[in-house]
PDB file of all heavy atoms in Angstrom:
ATOM      1  N   GLU A   1      86.855 233.645 149.533  1.00  0.00           N
ATOM      2  CA  GLU A   1      85.995 232.461 149.624  1.00  0.00           C
ATOM      3  C   GLU A   1      86.065 231.704 148.306  1.00  0.00           C
ATOM      4  O   GLU A   1      85.865 232.278 147.244  1.00  0.00           O
ATOM      5  CB  GLU A   1      84.557 232.872 149.928  1.00  0.00           C
ATOM      6  CG  GLU A   1      83.536 231.769 149.790  1.00  0.00           C
ATOM      7  CD  GLU A   1      83.826 230.568 150.676  1.00  0.00           C
ATOM      8  OE1 GLU A   1      84.035 230.757 151.897  1.00  0.00           O
ATOM      9  OE2 GLU A   1      83.854 229.443 150.142  1.00  0.00           O
ATOM     10  N   LYS A   2      86.346 230.403 148.373  1.00  0.00           N
ATOM     11  CA  LYS A   2      86.512 229.633 147.135  1.00  0.00           C
ATOM     12  C   LYS A   2      85.189 229.299 146.455  1.00  0.00           C
ATOM     13  O   LYS A   2      85.147 229.081 145.247  1.00  0.00           O
ATOM     14  CB  LYS A   2      87.309 228.357 147.400  1.00  0.00           C
ATOM     15  CG  LYS A   2      86.561 227.259 148.123  1.00  0.00           C
ATOM     16  CD  LYS A   2      87.438 226.012 148.202  1.00  0.00           C
ATOM     17  CE  LYS A   2      86.713 224.874 148.899  1.00  0.00           C
ATOM     18  NZ  LYS A   2      87.548 223.655 148.963  1.00  0.00           N
ATOM     19  N   LEU A   3      84.098 229.251 147.226  1.00  0.00           N
ATOM     20  CA  LEU A   3      82.798 228.976 146.631  1.00  0.00           C
ATOM     21  C   LEU A   3      82.180 230.253 146.066  1.00  0.00           C
ATOM     22  O   LEU A   3      82.682 231.342 146.285  1.00  0.00           O
ATOM     23  CB  LEU A   3      81.855 228.365 147.665  1.00  0.00           C
ATOM     24  CG  LEU A   3      82.305 227.056 148.331  1.00  0.00           C
ATOM     25  CD1 LEU A   3      81.219 226.547 149.266  1.00  0.00           C
ATOM     26  CD2 LEU A   3      82.676 226.005 147.313  1.00  0.00           C
ATOM     27  N   GLY A   4      81.074 230.094 145.380  1.00  0.00           N
ATOM     28  CA  GLY A   4      80.389 231.257 144.822  1.00  0.00           C
ATOM     29  C   GLY A   4      79.575 232.001 145.841  1.00  0.00           C
ATOM     30  O   GLY A   4      79.075 233.097 145.581  1.00  0.00           O
ATOM     31  N   GLN A   5      79.420 231.425 147.044  1.00  0.00           N
ATOM     32  CA  GLN A   5      78.611 232.015 148.088  1.00  0.00           C
ATOM     33  C   GLN A   5      79.340 231.895 149.423  1.00  0.00           C
ATOM     34  O   GLN A   5      79.971 230.880 149.703  1.00  0.00           O
ATOM     35  CB  GLN A   5      77.265 231.286 148.184  1.00  0.00           C
ATOM     36  CG  GLN A   5      76.373 231.753 149.304  1.00  0.00           C
ATOM     37  CD  GLN A   5      75.270 230.754 149.596  1.00  0.00           C
ATOM     38  OE1 GLN A   5      75.415 229.569 149.315  1.00  0.00           O
ATOM     39  NE2 GLN A   5      74.168 231.206 150.170  1.00  0.00           N
ATOM     40  N   VAL A   6      79.254 232.921 150.253  1.00  0.00           N
ATOM     41  CA  VAL A   6      79.843 232.854 151.586  1.00  0.00           C
ATOM     42  C   VAL A   6      78.894 232.105 152.530  1.00  0.00           C
ATOM     43  O   VAL A   6      77.735 231.888 152.218  1.00  0.00           O
ATOM     44  CB  VAL A   6      80.126 234.267 152.141  1.00  0.00           C
ATOM     45  CG1 VAL A   6      81.170 234.971 151.302  1.00  0.00           C
ATOM     46  CG2 VAL A   6      78.842 235.096 152.231  1.00  0.00           C
ATOM     47  N   GLY A   7      79.411 231.714 153.668  1.00  0.00           N
ATOM     48  CA  GLY A   7      78.556 231.099 154.686  1.00  0.00           C
ATOM     49  C   GLY A   7      79.091 229.823 155.279  1.00  0.00           C
ATOM     50  O   GLY A   7      78.977 229.580 156.477  1.00  0.00           O
ATOM     51  N   GLY A   8      79.667 228.957 154.436  1.00  0.00           N
ATOM     52  CA  GLY A   8      80.221 227.703 154.930  1.00  0.00           C
ATOM     53  C   GLY A   8      79.217 226.890 155.732  1.00  0.00           C
ATOM     54  O   GLY A   8      78.011 226.943 155.501  1.00  0.00           O
ATOM     55  N   ASN A   9      79.714 226.142 156.722  1.00  0.00           N
ATOM     56  CA  ASN A   9      78.834 225.332 157.556  1.00  0.00           C
ATOM     57  C   ASN A   9      77.937 226.181 158.446  1.00  0.00           C
ATOM     58  O   ASN A   9      76.861 225.741 158.854  1.00  0.00           O
ATOM     59  CB  ASN A   9      79.659 224.378 158.431  1.00  0.00           C
ATOM     60  CG  ASN A   9      80.083 223.124 157.684  1.00  0.00           C
ATOM     61  OD1 ASN A   9      79.541 222.798 156.632  1.00  0.00           O
ATOM     62  ND2 ASN A   9      81.066 222.426 158.213  1.00  0.00           N
ATOM     63  N   THR A  10      78.374 227.408 158.748  1.00  0.00           N
ATOM     64  CA  THR A  10      77.543 228.288 159.564  1.00  0.00           C
ATOM     65  C   THR A  10      76.204 228.543 158.886  1.00  0.00           C
ATOM     66  O   THR A  10      75.149 228.542 159.524  1.00  0.00           O
ATOM     67  CB  THR A  10      78.254 229.627 159.815  1.00  0.00           C
ATOM     68  OG1 THR A  10      79.540 229.378 160.407  1.00  0.00           O
ATOM     69  CG2 THR A  10      77.443 230.522 160.755  1.00  0.00           C
ATOM     70  N   LEU A  11      76.243 228.756 157.580  1.00  0.00           N
ATOM     71  CA  LEU A  11      75.036 229.074 156.817  1.00  0.00           C
ATOM     72  C   LEU A  11      74.008 227.960 156.894  1.00  0.00           C
ATOM     73  O   LEU A  11      72.804 228.221 156.998  1.00  0.00           O
ATOM     74  CB  LEU A  11      75.402 229.331 155.354  1.00  0.00           C
ATOM     75  CG  LEU A  11      74.251 229.682 154.412  1.00  0.00           C
ATOM     76  CD1 LEU A  11      73.701 231.054 154.743  1.00  0.00           C
ATOM     77  CD2 LEU A  11      74.703 229.622 152.959  1.00  0.00           C
ATOM     78  N   ILE A  12      74.444 226.720 156.862  1.00  0.00           N
ATOM     79  CA  ILE A  12      73.510 225.602 156.820  1.00  0.00           C
ATOM     80  C   ILE A  12      73.260 225.000 158.195  1.00  0.00           C
ATOM     81  O   ILE A  12      72.582 223.975 158.319  1.00  0.00           O
ATOM     82  CB  ILE A  12      74.007 224.507 155.855  1.00  0.00           C
ATOM     83  CG1 ILE A  12      75.396 223.985 156.275  1.00  0.00           C
ATOM     84  CG2 ILE A  12      74.048 225.022 154.434  1.00  0.00           C
ATOM     85  CD1 ILE A  12      75.921 222.863 155.391  1.00  0.00           C
ATOM     86  N   SER A  13      73.770 225.623 159.233  1.00  0.00           N
ATOM     87  CA  SER A  13      73.564 225.140 160.599  1.00  0.00           C
ATOM     88  C   SER A  13      72.306 225.756 161.197  1.00  0.00           C
ATOM     89  O   SER A  13      71.682 226.646 160.615  1.00  0.00           O
ATOM     90  CB  SER A  13      74.766 225.522 161.475  1.00  0.00           C
ATOM     91  OG  SER A  13      74.732 226.916 161.776  1.00  0.00           O
ATOM     92  N   GLY A  14      71.962 225.304 162.397  1.00  0.00           N
ATOM     93  CA  GLY A  14      70.854 225.917 163.124  1.00  0.00           C
ATOM     94  C   GLY A  14      71.251 227.231 163.763  1.00  0.00           C
ATOM     95  O   GLY A  14      70.395 228.034 164.141  1.00  0.00           O
ATOM     96  N   GLY A  15      72.562 227.457 163.890  1.00  0.00           N
ATOM     97  CA  GLY A  15      73.071 228.720 164.412  1.00  0.00           C
ATOM     98  C   GLY A  15      72.991 228.879 165.920  1.00  0.00           C
ATOM     99  O   GLY A  15      73.296 229.949 166.459  1.00  0.00           O
ATOM    100  N   GLU A  16      72.591 227.829 166.664  1.00  0.00           N
ATOM    101  CA  GLU A  16      72.485 227.953 168.118  1.00  0.00           C
ATOM    102  C   GLU A  16      73.870 228.161 168.743  1.00  0.00           C
ATOM    103  O   GLU A  16      74.858 227.631 168.260  1.00  0.00           O
ATOM    104  CB  GLU A  16      71.816 226.718 168.727  1.00  0.00           C
ATOM    105  CG  GLU A  16      70.368 226.547 168.327  1.00  0.00           C
ATOM    106  CD  GLU A  16      70.182 225.762 167.034  1.00  0.00           C
ATOM    107  OE1 GLU A  16      71.209 225.334 166.453  1.00  0.00           O
ATOM    108  OE2 GLU A  16      69.022 225.580 166.602  1.00  0.00           O
ATOM    109  N   TYR A  17      73.902 228.917 169.836  1.00  0.00           N
ATOM    110  CA  TYR A  17      75.171 229.404 170.390  1.00  0.00           C
ATOM    111  C   TYR A  17      75.191 229.174 171.904  1.00  0.00           C
ATOM    112  O   TYR A  17      74.384 229.733 172.642  1.00  0.00           O
ATOM    113  CB  TYR A  17      75.287 230.895 170.066  1.00  0.00           C
ATOM    114  CG  TYR A  17      76.582 231.567 170.439  1.00  0.00           C
ATOM    115  CD1 TYR A  17      77.408 232.101 169.460  1.00  0.00           C
ATOM    116  CD2 TYR A  17      76.971 231.711 171.764  1.00  0.00           C
ATOM    117  CE1 TYR A  17      78.599 232.750 169.786  1.00  0.00           C
ATOM    118  CE2 TYR A  17      78.153 232.352 172.107  1.00  0.00           C
ATOM    119  CZ  TYR A  17      78.964 232.865 171.112  1.00  0.00           C
ATOM    120  OH  TYR A  17      80.128 233.500 171.447  1.00  0.00           O
ATOM    121  N   ALA A  18      76.135 228.354 172.367  1.00  0.00           N
ATOM    122  CA  ALA A  18      76.269 228.070 173.798  1.00  0.00           C
ATOM    123  C   ALA A  18      76.911 229.246 174.526  1.00  0.00           C
ATOM    124  O   ALA A  18      78.027 229.643 174.206  1.00  0.00           O
ATOM    125  CB  ALA A  18      77.110 226.811 173.998  1.00  0.00           C
ATOM    126  N   ALA A  19      76.189 229.808 175.515  1.00  0.00           N
ATOM    127  CA  ALA A  19      76.670 230.992 176.244  1.00  0.00           C
ATOM    128  C   ALA A  19      76.384 230.813 177.731  1.00  0.00           C
ATOM    129  O   ALA A  19      75.235 230.940 178.169  1.00  0.00           O
ATOM    130  CB  ALA A  19      75.983 232.246 175.713  1.00  0.00           C
ATOM    131  N   PRO A  20      77.397 230.528 178.531  1.00  0.00           N
ATOM    132  CA  PRO A  20      77.166 230.293 179.962  1.00  0.00           C
ATOM    133  C   PRO A  20      76.866 231.578 180.731  1.00  0.00           C
ATOM    134  O   PRO A  20      77.344 232.655 180.376  1.00  0.00           O
ATOM    135  CB  PRO A  20      78.496 229.687 180.416  1.00  0.00           C
ATOM    136  CG  PRO A  20      79.509 230.288 179.494  1.00  0.00           C
ATOM    137  CD  PRO A  20      78.821 230.387 178.160  1.00  0.00           C
ATOM    138  N   ALA A  21      76.044 231.428 181.777  1.00  0.00           N
ATOM    139  CA  ALA A  21      75.709 232.539 182.670  1.00  0.00           C
ATOM    140  C   ALA A  21      75.183 233.747 181.895  1.00  0.00           C
ATOM    141  O   ALA A  21      75.652 234.870 182.060  1.00  0.00           O
ATOM    142  CB  ALA A  21      76.929 232.935 183.505  1.00  0.00           C
ATOM    143  N   ASN A  22      74.189 233.504 181.031  1.00  0.00           N
ATOM    144  CA  ASN A  22      73.637 234.599 180.234  1.00  0.00           C
ATOM    145  C   ASN A  22      72.355 235.150 180.861  1.00  0.00           C
ATOM    146  O   ASN A  22      71.798 234.574 181.794  1.00  0.00           O
ATOM    147  CB  ASN A  22      73.402 234.157 178.784  1.00  0.00           C
ATOM    148  CG  ASN A  22      72.353 233.065 178.651  1.00  0.00           C
ATOM    149  OD1 ASN A  22      71.189 233.266 178.972  1.00  0.00           O
ATOM    150  ND2 ASN A  22      72.773 231.882 178.190  1.00  0.00           N
ATOM    151  N   GLU A  23      71.878 236.261 180.320  1.00  0.00           N
ATOM    152  CA  GLU A  23      70.742 236.967 180.908  1.00  0.00           C
ATOM    153  C   GLU A  23      69.426 236.197 180.796  1.00  0.00           C
ATOM    154  O   GLU A  23      68.536 236.337 181.656  1.00  0.00           O
ATOM    155  CB  GLU A  23      70.594 238.359 180.277  1.00  0.00           C
ATOM    156  CG  GLU A  23      70.127 238.390 178.828  1.00  0.00           C
ATOM    157  CD  GLU A  23      71.196 238.019 177.819  1.00  0.00           C
ATOM    158  OE1 GLU A  23      72.373 237.837 178.235  1.00  0.00           O
ATOM    159  OE2 GLU A  23      70.869 237.923 176.625  1.00  0.00           O
ATOM    160  N   LEU A  24      69.276 235.354 179.776  1.00  0.00           N
ATOM    161  CA  LEU A  24      68.056 234.568 179.648  1.00  0.00           C
ATOM    162  C   LEU A  24      68.010 233.462 180.700  1.00  0.00           C
ATOM    163  O   LEU A  24      66.926 233.112 181.196  1.00  0.00           O
ATOM    164  CB  LEU A  24      67.954 233.970 178.240  1.00  0.00           C
ATOM    165  CG  LEU A  24      67.804 234.970 177.086  1.00  0.00           C
ATOM    166  CD1 LEU A  24      67.678 234.240 175.752  1.00  0.00           C
ATOM    167  CD2 LEU A  24      66.605 235.883 177.300  1.00  0.00           C
ATOM    168  N   GLN A  25      69.160 232.920 181.028  1.00  0.00           N
ATOM    169  CA  GLN A  25      69.219 231.939 182.114  1.00  0.00           C
ATOM    170  C   GLN A  25      68.802 232.587 183.433  1.00  0.00           C
ATOM    171  O   GLN A  25      68.074 231.997 184.232  1.00  0.00           O
ATOM    172  CB  GLN A  25      70.638 231.373 182.247  1.00  0.00           C
ATOM    173  CG  GLN A  25      71.055 230.427 181.150  1.00  0.00           C
ATOM    174  CD  GLN A  25      72.481 229.942 181.342  1.00  0.00           C
ATOM    175  OE1 GLN A  25      73.379 230.747 181.592  1.00  0.00           O
ATOM    176  NE2 GLN A  25      72.693 228.649 181.229  1.00  0.00           N
ATOM    177  N   GLU A  26      69.270 233.801 183.632  1.00  0.00           N
ATOM    178  CA  GLU A  26      68.942 234.526 184.865  1.00  0.00           C
ATOM    179  C   GLU A  26      67.432 234.718 184.992  1.00  0.00           C
ATOM    180  O   GLU A  26      66.849 234.544 186.067  1.00  0.00           O
ATOM    181  CB  GLU A  26      69.651 235.887 184.873  1.00  0.00           C
ATOM    182  CG  GLU A  26      69.516 236.642 186.180  1.00  0.00           C
ATOM    183  CD  GLU A  26      70.304 237.936 186.191  1.00  0.00           C
ATOM    184  OE1 GLU A  26      71.159 238.128 185.297  1.00  0.00           O
ATOM    185  OE2 GLU A  26      70.057 238.758 187.089  1.00  0.00           O
ATOM    186  N   LYS A  27      66.768 235.046 183.867  1.00  0.00           N
ATOM    187  CA  LYS A  27      65.312 235.227 183.873  1.00  0.00           C
ATOM    188  C   LYS A  27      64.590 233.936 184.242  1.00  0.00           C
ATOM    189  O   LYS A  27      63.551 233.946 184.902  1.00  0.00           O
ATOM    190  CB  LYS A  27      64.834 235.696 182.497  1.00  0.00           C
ATOM    191  CG  LYS A  27      65.154 237.146 182.172  1.00  0.00           C
ATOM    192  CD  LYS A  27      64.588 237.502 180.797  1.00  0.00           C
ATOM    193  CE  LYS A  27      64.909 238.943 180.430  1.00  0.00           C
ATOM    194  NZ  LYS A  27      64.368 239.299 179.089  1.00  0.00           N
ATOM    195  N   GLU A  28      65.142 232.803 183.787  1.00  0.00           N
ATOM    196  CA  GLU A  28      64.513 231.509 184.038  1.00  0.00           C
ATOM    197  C   GLU A  28      64.964 230.880 185.353  1.00  0.00           C
ATOM    198  O   GLU A  28      64.494 229.797 185.721  1.00  0.00           O
ATOM    199  CB  GLU A  28      64.809 230.539 182.894  1.00  0.00           C
ATOM    200  CG  GLU A  28      64.152 230.903 181.573  1.00  0.00           C
ATOM    201  CD  GLU A  28      64.294 229.784 180.540  1.00  0.00           C
ATOM    202  OE1 GLU A  28      64.192 228.603 180.938  1.00  0.00           O
ATOM    203  OE2 GLU A  28      64.504 230.093 179.361  1.00  0.00           O
ATOM    204  N   GLY A  29      65.886 231.541 186.033  1.00  0.00           N
ATOM    205  CA  GLY A  29      66.373 231.003 187.291  1.00  0.00           C
ATOM    206  C   GLY A  29      67.315 229.830 187.134  1.00  0.00           C
ATOM    207  O   GLY A  29      67.438 228.984 188.030  1.00  0.00           O
ATOM    208  N   ILE A  30      67.996 229.763 185.990  1.00  0.00           N
ATOM    209  CA  ILE A  30      68.946 228.681 185.721  1.00  0.00           C
ATOM    210  C   ILE A  30      70.326 229.076 186.228  1.00  0.00           C
ATOM    211  O   ILE A  30      70.874 230.106 185.840  1.00  0.00           O
ATOM    212  CB  ILE A  30      69.022 228.375 184.215  1.00  0.00           C
ATOM    213  CG1 ILE A  30      67.660 227.930 183.684  1.00  0.00           C
ATOM    214  CG2 ILE A  30      70.081 227.313 183.931  1.00  0.00           C
ATOM    215  CD1 ILE A  30      67.607 227.817 182.175  1.00  0.00           C
ATOM    216  N   GLU A  31      70.886 228.275 187.105  1.00  0.00           N
ATOM    217  CA  GLU A  31      72.217 228.551 187.625  1.00  0.00           C
ATOM    218  C   GLU A  31      73.271 227.966 186.692  1.00  0.00           C
ATOM    219  O   GLU A  31      73.232 226.784 186.367  1.00  0.00           O
ATOM    220  CB  GLU A  31      72.374 227.968 189.029  1.00  0.00           C
ATOM    221  CG  GLU A  31      71.499 228.645 190.070  1.00  0.00           C
ATOM    222  CD  GLU A  31      71.800 228.154 191.477  1.00  0.00           C
ATOM    223  OE1 GLU A  31      72.845 227.476 191.659  1.00  0.00           O
ATOM    224  OE2 GLU A  31      71.007 228.444 192.372  1.00  0.00           O
ATOM    225  N   ASP A  32      74.196 228.798 186.274  1.00  0.00           N
ATOM    226  CA  ASP A  32      75.240 228.364 185.350  1.00  0.00           C
ATOM    227  C   ASP A  32      76.492 229.189 185.613  1.00  0.00           C
ATOM    228  O   ASP A  32      76.448 230.226 186.295  1.00  0.00           O
ATOM    229  CB  ASP A  32      74.769 228.547 183.902  1.00  0.00           C
ATOM    230  CG  ASP A  32      75.639 227.793 182.904  1.00  0.00           C
ATOM    231  OD1 ASP A  32      76.460 226.967 183.320  1.00  0.00           O
ATOM    232  OD2 ASP A  32      75.483 228.039 181.695  1.00  0.00           O
ATOM    233  N   SER A  33      77.597 228.745 185.068  1.00  0.00           N
ATOM    234  CA  SER A  33      78.857 229.479 185.229  1.00  0.00           C
ATOM    235  C   SER A  33      79.810 229.123 184.103  1.00  0.00           C
ATOM    236  O   SER A  33      79.632 228.112 183.415  1.00  0.00           O
ATOM    237  CB  SER A  33      79.518 229.130 186.567  1.00  0.00           C
ATOM    238  OG  SER A  33      79.931 227.764 186.572  1.00  0.00           O
ATOM    239  N   LYS A  34      80.820 229.964 183.919  1.00  0.00           N
ATOM    240  CA  LYS A  34      81.851 229.680 182.927  1.00  0.00           C
ATOM    241  C   LYS A  34      82.574 228.370 183.269  1.00  0.00           C
ATOM    242  O   LYS A  34      82.947 227.590 182.383  1.00  0.00           O
ATOM    243  CB  LYS A  34      82.846 230.831 182.867  1.00  0.00           C
ATOM    244  CG  LYS A  34      82.249 232.149 182.391  1.00  0.00           C
ATOM    245  CD  LYS A  34      83.274 233.267 182.436  1.00  0.00           C
ATOM    246  CE  LYS A  34      82.661 234.591 181.965  1.00  0.00           C
ATOM    247  NZ  LYS A  34      83.646 235.710 182.032  1.00  0.00           N
ATOM    248  N   GLU A  35      82.752 228.154 184.572  1.00  0.00           N
ATOM    249  CA  GLU A  35      83.462 226.962 185.018  1.00  0.00           C
ATOM    250  C   GLU A  35      82.676 225.682 184.691  1.00  0.00           C
ATOM    251  O   GLU A  35      83.254 224.668 184.281  1.00  0.00           O
ATOM    252  CB  GLU A  35      83.715 227.037 186.528  1.00  0.00           C
ATOM    253  CG  GLU A  35      84.709 228.101 186.958  1.00  0.00           C
ATOM    254  CD  GLU A  35      84.146 229.524 186.887  1.00  0.00           C
ATOM    255  OE1 GLU A  35      82.893 229.677 186.908  1.00  0.00           O
ATOM    256  OE2 GLU A  35      84.950 230.479 186.810  1.00  0.00           O
ATOM    257  N   LEU A  36      81.354 225.747 184.857  1.00  0.00           N
ATOM    258  CA  LEU A  36      80.531 224.588 184.553  1.00  0.00           C
ATOM    259  C   LEU A  36      80.532 224.308 183.048  1.00  0.00           C
ATOM    260  O   LEU A  36      80.590 223.160 182.617  1.00  0.00           O
ATOM    261  CB  LEU A  36      79.097 224.813 185.042  1.00  0.00           C
ATOM    262  CG  LEU A  36      78.121 223.641 184.837  1.00  0.00           C
ATOM    263  CD1 LEU A  36      78.625 222.379 185.536  1.00  0.00           C
ATOM    264  CD2 LEU A  36      76.727 224.013 185.335  1.00  0.00           C
ATOM    265  N   PHE A  37      80.476 225.379 182.259  1.00  0.00           N
ATOM    266  CA  PHE A  37      80.534 225.239 180.809  1.00  0.00           C
ATOM    267  C   PHE A  37      81.847 224.586 180.400  1.00  0.00           C
ATOM    268  O   PHE A  37      81.880 223.645 179.586  1.00  0.00           O
ATOM    269  CB  PHE A  37      80.376 226.610 180.155  1.00  0.00           C
ATOM    270  CG  PHE A  37      80.534 226.612 178.660  1.00  0.00           C
ATOM    271  CD1 PHE A  37      79.753 225.807 177.849  1.00  0.00           C
ATOM    272  CD2 PHE A  37      81.465 227.439 178.035  1.00  0.00           C
ATOM    273  CE1 PHE A  37      79.887 225.818 176.458  1.00  0.00           C
ATOM    274  CE2 PHE A  37      81.613 227.460 176.657  1.00  0.00           C
ATOM    275  CZ  PHE A  37      80.824 226.644 175.872  1.00  0.00           C
ATOM    276  N   ALA A  38      82.954 225.082 180.957  1.00  0.00           N
ATOM    277  CA  ALA A  38      84.267 224.522 180.637  1.00  0.00           C
ATOM    278  C   ALA A  38      84.331 223.039 181.010  1.00  0.00           C
ATOM    279  O   ALA A  38      84.863 222.210 180.254  1.00  0.00           O
ATOM    280  CB  ALA A  38      85.361 225.294 181.365  1.00  0.00           C
ATOM    281  N   LYS A  39      83.747 222.695 182.154  1.00  0.00           N
ATOM    282  CA  LYS A  39      83.754 221.297 182.592  1.00  0.00           C
ATOM    283  C   LYS A  39      82.989 220.417 181.612  1.00  0.00           C
ATOM    284  O   LYS A  39      83.429 219.307 181.283  1.00  0.00           O
ATOM    285  CB  LYS A  39      83.131 221.202 183.987  1.00  0.00           C
ATOM    286  CG  LYS A  39      83.115 219.794 184.552  1.00  0.00           C
ATOM    287  CD  LYS A  39      82.467 219.765 185.933  1.00  0.00           C
ATOM    288  CE  LYS A  39      82.399 218.334 186.472  1.00  0.00           C
ATOM    289  NZ  LYS A  39      81.725 218.280 187.793  1.00  0.00           N
ATOM    290  N   ASP A  40      81.851 220.909 181.135  1.00  0.00           N
ATOM    291  CA  ASP A  40      81.051 220.139 180.171  1.00  0.00           C
ATOM    292  C   ASP A  40      81.839 219.870 178.890  1.00  0.00           C
ATOM    293  O   ASP A  40      81.829 218.755 178.362  1.00  0.00           O
ATOM    294  CB  ASP A  40      79.767 220.897 179.826  1.00  0.00           C
ATOM    295  CG  ASP A  40      78.770 220.917 180.972  1.00  0.00           C
ATOM    296  OD1 ASP A  40      78.918 220.099 181.908  1.00  0.00           O
ATOM    297  OD2 ASP A  40      77.850 221.748 180.936  1.00  0.00           O
ATOM    298  N   VAL A  41      82.503 220.902 178.376  1.00  0.00           N
ATOM    299  CA  VAL A  41      83.257 220.755 177.124  1.00  0.00           C
ATOM    300  C   VAL A  41      84.476 219.858 177.328  1.00  0.00           C
ATOM    301  O   VAL A  41      84.832 219.066 176.456  1.00  0.00           O
ATOM    302  CB  VAL A  41      83.683 222.130 176.580  1.00  0.00           C
ATOM    303  CG1 VAL A  41      84.511 221.982 175.306  1.00  0.00           C
ATOM    304  CG2 VAL A  41      82.453 222.996 176.294  1.00  0.00           C
ATOM    305  N   GLU A  42      85.098 219.964 178.497  1.00  0.00           N
ATOM    306  CA  GLU A  42      86.309 219.192 178.788  1.00  0.00           C
ATOM    307  C   GLU A  42      86.045 217.689 178.859  1.00  0.00           C
ATOM    308  O   GLU A  42      86.974 216.889 178.720  1.00  0.00           O
ATOM    309  CB  GLU A  42      86.930 219.655 180.107  1.00  0.00           C
ATOM    310  CG  GLU A  42      87.685 220.979 180.006  1.00  0.00           C
ATOM    311  CD  GLU A  42      88.206 221.437 181.370  1.00  0.00           C
ATOM    312  OE1 GLU A  42      88.394 220.571 182.252  1.00  0.00           O
ATOM    313  OE2 GLU A  42      88.399 222.648 181.554  1.00  0.00           O
TER     314      GLU A  42
END
């Protein structure tokens, strides 16, 4: 690492992570899929 501290942009971000068809969605009754996630990003 060229800086004196590790972390980069990850360190100063909110750290939120997009994960399709996850267990928390299932608890909330949210329908999602890998295909829908891919479509959104595309």
